[in-house]
Amino acid sequence: MVNKNILKIRKKLDRLDDAFLNLIKKRTKLVDQVLKNKKYKKDIIDRKRISIILKNINKKSLKKKIDPKITKKIWTNMISAYIDYEFRSFKKK
């Protein structure tokens, strides 16, 4: 038997996933703009900035009552994916 409540919730999750994809597209365009302003591959990884981002996400997660372990894992993976993307996309000037 199919649980109709689960199906309704999954439809909402699918709509959220679509919204996430739109946000990822916008974020990627901004990353592309930043990448155009980097002169050297060594500029791609900014450990200080990554640390600040993760601290801010932790604070905001706690404030919004979101499990900070979830958001840390999401942002860590997203940052890693974009670092990989930047290395693949970097054009020497």
N, C-alpha and C. Protein backbone atom coordinates (compact mmCIF):
# COMPACT_ATOMS: atom_id res chain seq x y z
N MET A 1 0.84 -1.21 0.00
CA MET A 1 0.00 0.00 0.00
C MET A 1 0.88 1.25 0.00
N VAL A 2 0.50 2.20 -0.81
CA VAL A 2 1.25 3.45 -0.92
C VAL A 2 0.71 4.45 0.09
N ASN A 3 1.63 5.04 0.85
CA ASN A 3 1.24 6.03 1.85
C ASN A 3 1.08 7.38 1.14
N LYS A 4 -0.16 7.87 1.09
CA LYS A 4 -0.45 9.12 0.36
C LYS A 4 0.23 10.33 1.00
N ASN A 5 0.39 10.31 2.31
CA ASN A 5 1.08 11.42 2.98
C ASN A 5 2.53 11.50 2.54
N ILE A 6 3.16 10.34 2.43
CA ILE A 6 4.56 10.33 1.98
C ILE A 6 4.65 10.85 0.55
N LEU A 7 3.74 10.46 -0.30
CA LEU A 7 3.75 10.94 -1.69
C LEU A 7 3.59 12.46 -1.77
N LYS A 8 2.71 13.02 -0.93
CA LYS A 8 2.52 14.48 -0.90
C LYS A 8 3.81 15.17 -0.45
N ILE A 9 4.42 14.61 0.58
CA ILE A 9 5.65 15.20 1.12
C ILE A 9 6.77 15.11 0.07
N ARG A 10 6.84 13.99 -0.62
CA ARG A 10 7.87 13.82 -1.66
C ARG A 10 7.68 14.80 -2.81
N LYS A 11 6.45 15.12 -3.14
CA LYS A 11 6.20 16.14 -4.19
C LYS A 11 6.74 17.49 -3.74
N LYS A 12 6.53 17.81 -2.45
CA LYS A 12 7.06 19.06 -1.92
C LYS A 12 8.59 19.05 -1.95
N LEU A 13 9.18 17.91 -1.63
CA LEU A 13 10.64 17.79 -1.69
C LEU A 13 11.14 17.97 -3.12
N ASP A 14 10.42 17.40 -4.08
CA ASP A 14 10.80 17.56 -5.49
C ASP A 14 10.77 19.03 -5.91
N ARG A 15 9.77 19.77 -5.44
CA ARG A 15 9.68 21.21 -5.77
C ARG A 15 10.85 21.97 -5.13
N LEU A 16 11.19 21.58 -3.90
CA LEU A 16 12.34 22.21 -3.24
C LEU A 16 13.63 21.90 -4.00
N ASP A 17 13.76 20.67 -4.46
CA ASP A 17 14.95 20.30 -5.24
C ASP A 17 15.08 21.17 -6.49
N ASP A 18 13.95 21.43 -7.15
CA ASP A 18 13.97 22.32 -8.32
C ASP A 18 14.43 23.72 -7.93
N ALA A 19 13.97 24.20 -6.78
CA ALA A 19 14.39 25.52 -6.31
C ALA A 19 15.89 25.52 -5.99
N PHE A 20 16.37 24.43 -5.39
CA PHE A 20 17.81 24.31 -5.11
C PHE A 20 18.61 24.37 -6.41
N LEU A 21 18.15 23.69 -7.44
CA LEU A 21 18.86 23.70 -8.71
C LEU A 21 18.95 25.11 -9.28
N ASN A 22 17.89 25.88 -9.15
CA ASN A 22 17.93 27.28 -9.61
C ASN A 22 18.93 28.09 -8.81
N LEU A 23 18.99 27.86 -7.51
CA LEU A 23 19.96 28.57 -6.67
C LEU A 23 21.40 28.16 -7.02
N ILE A 24 21.59 26.88 -7.29
CA ILE A 24 22.92 26.40 -7.66
C ILE A 24 23.36 27.04 -8.98
N LYS A 25 22.45 27.19 -9.90
CA LYS A 25 22.77 27.85 -11.17
C LYS A 25 23.21 29.30 -10.92
N LYS A 26 22.47 30.02 -10.08
CA LYS A 26 22.82 31.41 -9.75
C LYS A 26 24.17 31.47 -9.05
N ARG A 27 24.40 30.53 -8.12
CA ARG A 27 25.65 30.50 -7.36
C ARG A 27 26.83 30.23 -8.30
N THR A 28 26.61 29.33 -9.25
CA THR A 28 27.67 28.99 -10.20
C THR A 28 28.05 30.19 -11.05
N LYS A 29 27.07 30.97 -11.45
CA LYS A 29 27.36 32.19 -12.23
C LYS A 29 28.21 33.16 -11.41
N LEU A 30 27.91 33.28 -10.12
CA LEU A 30 28.71 34.16 -9.26
C LEU A 30 30.12 33.61 -9.08
N VAL A 31 30.24 32.30 -8.93
CA VAL A 31 31.56 31.67 -8.81
C VAL A 31 32.36 31.93 -10.09
N ASP A 32 31.69 31.84 -11.24
CA ASP A 32 32.37 32.14 -12.51
C ASP A 32 32.92 33.56 -12.53
N GLN A 33 32.15 34.50 -12.00
CA GLN A 33 32.61 35.90 -11.95
C GLN A 33 33.83 36.04 -11.05
N VAL A 34 33.80 35.37 -9.91
CA VAL A 34 34.94 35.41 -9.00
C VAL A 34 36.16 34.79 -9.67
N LEU A 35 35.94 33.65 -10.32
CA LEU A 35 37.04 32.94 -10.97
C LEU A 35 37.72 33.80 -12.03
N LYS A 36 36.96 34.60 -12.75
CA LYS A 36 37.53 35.48 -13.78
C LYS A 36 38.49 36.49 -13.16
N ASN A 37 38.34 36.76 -11.88
CA ASN A 37 39.19 37.74 -11.19
C ASN A 37 40.37 37.11 -10.47
N LYS A 38 40.52 35.80 -10.58
CA LYS A 38 41.66 35.13 -9.95
C LYS A 38 42.76 34.97 -11.00
N LYS A 39 43.98 35.38 -10.62
CA LYS A 39 45.09 35.35 -11.56
C LYS A 39 45.80 34.00 -11.58
N TYR A 40 45.86 33.35 -10.43
CA TYR A 40 46.64 32.11 -10.31
C TYR A 40 45.78 31.00 -9.70
N LYS A 41 46.12 29.76 -10.08
CA LYS A 41 45.39 28.62 -9.52
C LYS A 41 45.48 28.58 -8.01
N LYS A 42 46.60 29.03 -7.47
CA LYS A 42 46.78 29.01 -6.01
C LYS A 42 45.77 29.92 -5.31
N ASP A 43 45.14 30.83 -6.04
CA ASP A 43 44.13 31.73 -5.46
C ASP A 43 42.78 31.04 -5.27
N ILE A 44 42.63 29.86 -5.85
CA ILE A 44 41.33 29.19 -5.80
C ILE A 44 40.93 28.81 -4.38
N ILE A 45 41.85 28.24 -3.64
CA ILE A 45 41.53 27.81 -2.26
C ILE A 45 41.93 28.91 -1.29
N ASP A 46 40.93 29.45 -0.58
CA ASP A 46 41.15 30.49 0.42
C ASP A 46 40.67 29.91 1.77
N ARG A 47 41.61 29.29 2.47
CA ARG A 47 41.26 28.58 3.72
C ARG A 47 40.64 29.51 4.77
N LYS A 48 41.12 30.74 4.82
CA LYS A 48 40.57 31.70 5.79
C LYS A 48 39.10 31.97 5.48
N ARG A 49 38.79 32.19 4.22
CA ARG A 49 37.39 32.44 3.80
C ARG A 49 36.51 31.22 4.08
N ILE A 50 37.03 30.03 3.79
CA ILE A 50 36.27 28.80 4.04
C ILE A 50 35.95 28.68 5.53
N SER A 51 36.92 28.96 6.37
CA SER A 51 36.72 28.90 7.82
C SER A 51 35.64 29.88 8.27
N ILE A 52 35.68 31.10 7.73
CA ILE A 52 34.69 32.12 8.08
C ILE A 52 33.30 31.69 7.62
N ILE A 53 33.20 31.16 6.40
CA ILE A 53 31.91 30.70 5.88
C ILE A 53 31.33 29.63 6.79
N LEU A 54 32.14 28.63 7.15
CA LEU A 54 31.64 27.53 7.97
C LEU A 54 31.24 27.99 9.37
N LYS A 55 31.97 28.94 9.93
CA LYS A 55 31.59 29.49 11.24
C LYS A 55 30.26 30.23 11.15
N ASN A 56 30.10 31.02 10.09
CA ASN A 56 28.84 31.76 9.90
C ASN A 56 27.66 30.82 9.69
N ILE A 57 27.87 29.76 8.92
CA ILE A 57 26.81 28.78 8.68
C ILE A 57 26.44 28.10 9.99
N ASN A 58 27.42 27.81 10.81
CA ASN A 58 27.14 27.18 12.11
C ASN A 58 26.29 28.10 12.98
N LYS A 59 26.68 29.37 13.06
CA LYS A 59 25.92 30.34 13.86
C LYS A 59 24.49 30.49 13.35
N LYS A 60 24.36 30.64 12.05
CA LYS A 60 23.03 30.82 11.44
C LYS A 60 22.17 29.56 11.61
N SER A 61 22.80 28.40 11.53
CA SER A 61 22.06 27.15 11.72
C SER A 61 21.49 27.07 13.12
N LEU A 62 22.33 27.38 14.10
CA LEU A 62 21.87 27.34 15.49
C LEU A 62 20.74 28.34 15.72
N LYS A 63 20.90 29.53 15.16
CA LYS A 63 19.88 30.57 15.30
C LYS A 63 18.55 30.13 14.68
N LYS A 64 18.62 29.43 13.55
CA LYS A 64 17.41 29.00 12.85
C LYS A 64 16.93 27.62 13.30
N LYS A 65 17.61 27.07 14.32
CA LYS A 65 17.27 25.75 14.87
C LYS A 65 17.37 24.64 13.83
N ILE A 66 18.48 24.68 13.09
CA ILE A 66 18.80 23.63 12.12
C ILE A 66 20.01 22.89 12.67
N ASP A 67 20.00 21.58 12.56
CA ASP A 67 21.13 20.78 13.03
C ASP A 67 22.41 21.24 12.32
N PRO A 68 23.37 21.82 13.06
CA PRO A 68 24.57 22.35 12.41
C PRO A 68 25.45 21.28 11.76
N LYS A 69 25.29 20.03 12.18
CA LYS A 69 26.06 18.96 11.52
C LYS A 69 25.60 18.77 10.08
N ILE A 70 24.30 18.94 9.86
CA ILE A 70 23.76 18.82 8.50
C ILE A 70 24.28 19.95 7.62
N THR A 71 24.17 21.18 8.11
CA THR A 71 24.58 22.32 7.28
C THR A 71 26.09 22.34 7.07
N LYS A 72 26.86 21.93 8.08
CA LYS A 72 28.32 21.89 7.91
C LYS A 72 28.68 20.90 6.81
N LYS A 73 28.03 19.74 6.83
CA LYS A 73 28.32 18.73 5.81
C LYS A 73 27.92 19.23 4.42
N ILE A 74 26.76 19.86 4.33
CA ILE A 74 26.30 20.38 3.03
C ILE A 74 27.27 21.43 2.51
N TRP A 75 27.63 22.41 3.36
CA TRP A 75 28.51 23.50 2.90
C TRP A 75 29.91 23.00 2.62
N THR A 76 30.41 22.08 3.43
CA THR A 76 31.75 21.53 3.19
C THR A 76 31.79 20.83 1.83
N ASN A 77 30.75 20.05 1.54
CA ASN A 77 30.70 19.37 0.25
C ASN A 77 30.50 20.35 -0.90
N MET A 78 29.68 21.37 -0.69
CA MET A 78 29.46 22.36 -1.74
C MET A 78 30.75 23.13 -2.03
N ILE A 79 31.45 23.54 -0.99
CA ILE A 79 32.71 24.26 -1.17
C ILE A 79 33.70 23.37 -1.92
N SER A 80 33.79 22.13 -1.53
CA SER A 80 34.69 21.19 -2.19
C SER A 80 34.32 21.02 -3.67
N ALA A 81 33.03 20.92 -3.95
CA ALA A 81 32.58 20.77 -5.34
C ALA A 81 32.93 22.01 -6.16
N TYR A 82 32.77 23.19 -5.57
CA TYR A 82 33.09 24.42 -6.31
C TYR A 82 34.60 24.61 -6.46
N ILE A 83 35.38 24.17 -5.51
CA ILE A 83 36.84 24.22 -5.66
C ILE A 83 37.24 23.34 -6.84
N ASP A 84 36.68 22.15 -6.90
CA ASP A 84 36.94 21.25 -8.02
C ASP A 84 36.52 21.90 -9.34
N TYR A 85 35.34 22.52 -9.33
CA TYR A 85 34.82 23.21 -10.52
C TYR A 85 35.77 24.34 -10.95
N GLU A 86 36.25 25.11 -9.97
CA GLU A 86 37.16 26.22 -10.29
C GLU A 86 38.46 25.71 -10.90
N PHE A 87 39.01 24.62 -10.35
CA PHE A 87 40.24 24.07 -10.91
C PHE A 87 40.02 23.58 -12.34
N ARG A 88 38.87 22.97 -12.60
CA ARG A 88 38.57 22.49 -13.95
C ARG A 88 38.32 23.64 -14.92
N SER A 89 37.80 24.76 -14.40
CA SER A 89 37.41 25.88 -15.25
C SER A 89 38.49 26.96 -15.38
N PHE A 90 39.52 26.90 -14.55
CA PHE A 90 40.52 27.96 -14.51
C PHE A 90 41.22 28.10 -15.85
N LYS A 91 41.29 29.32 -16.31
CA LYS A 91 42.01 29.63 -17.54
C LYS A 91 43.21 30.51 -17.18
N LYS A 92 44.36 30.05 -17.57
CA LYS A 92 45.58 30.83 -17.29
C LYS A 92 45.55 32.13 -18.07
N LYS A 93 45.97 33.20 -17.43
CA LYS A 93 45.95 34.51 -18.07
C LYS A 93 47.30 34.88 -18.61
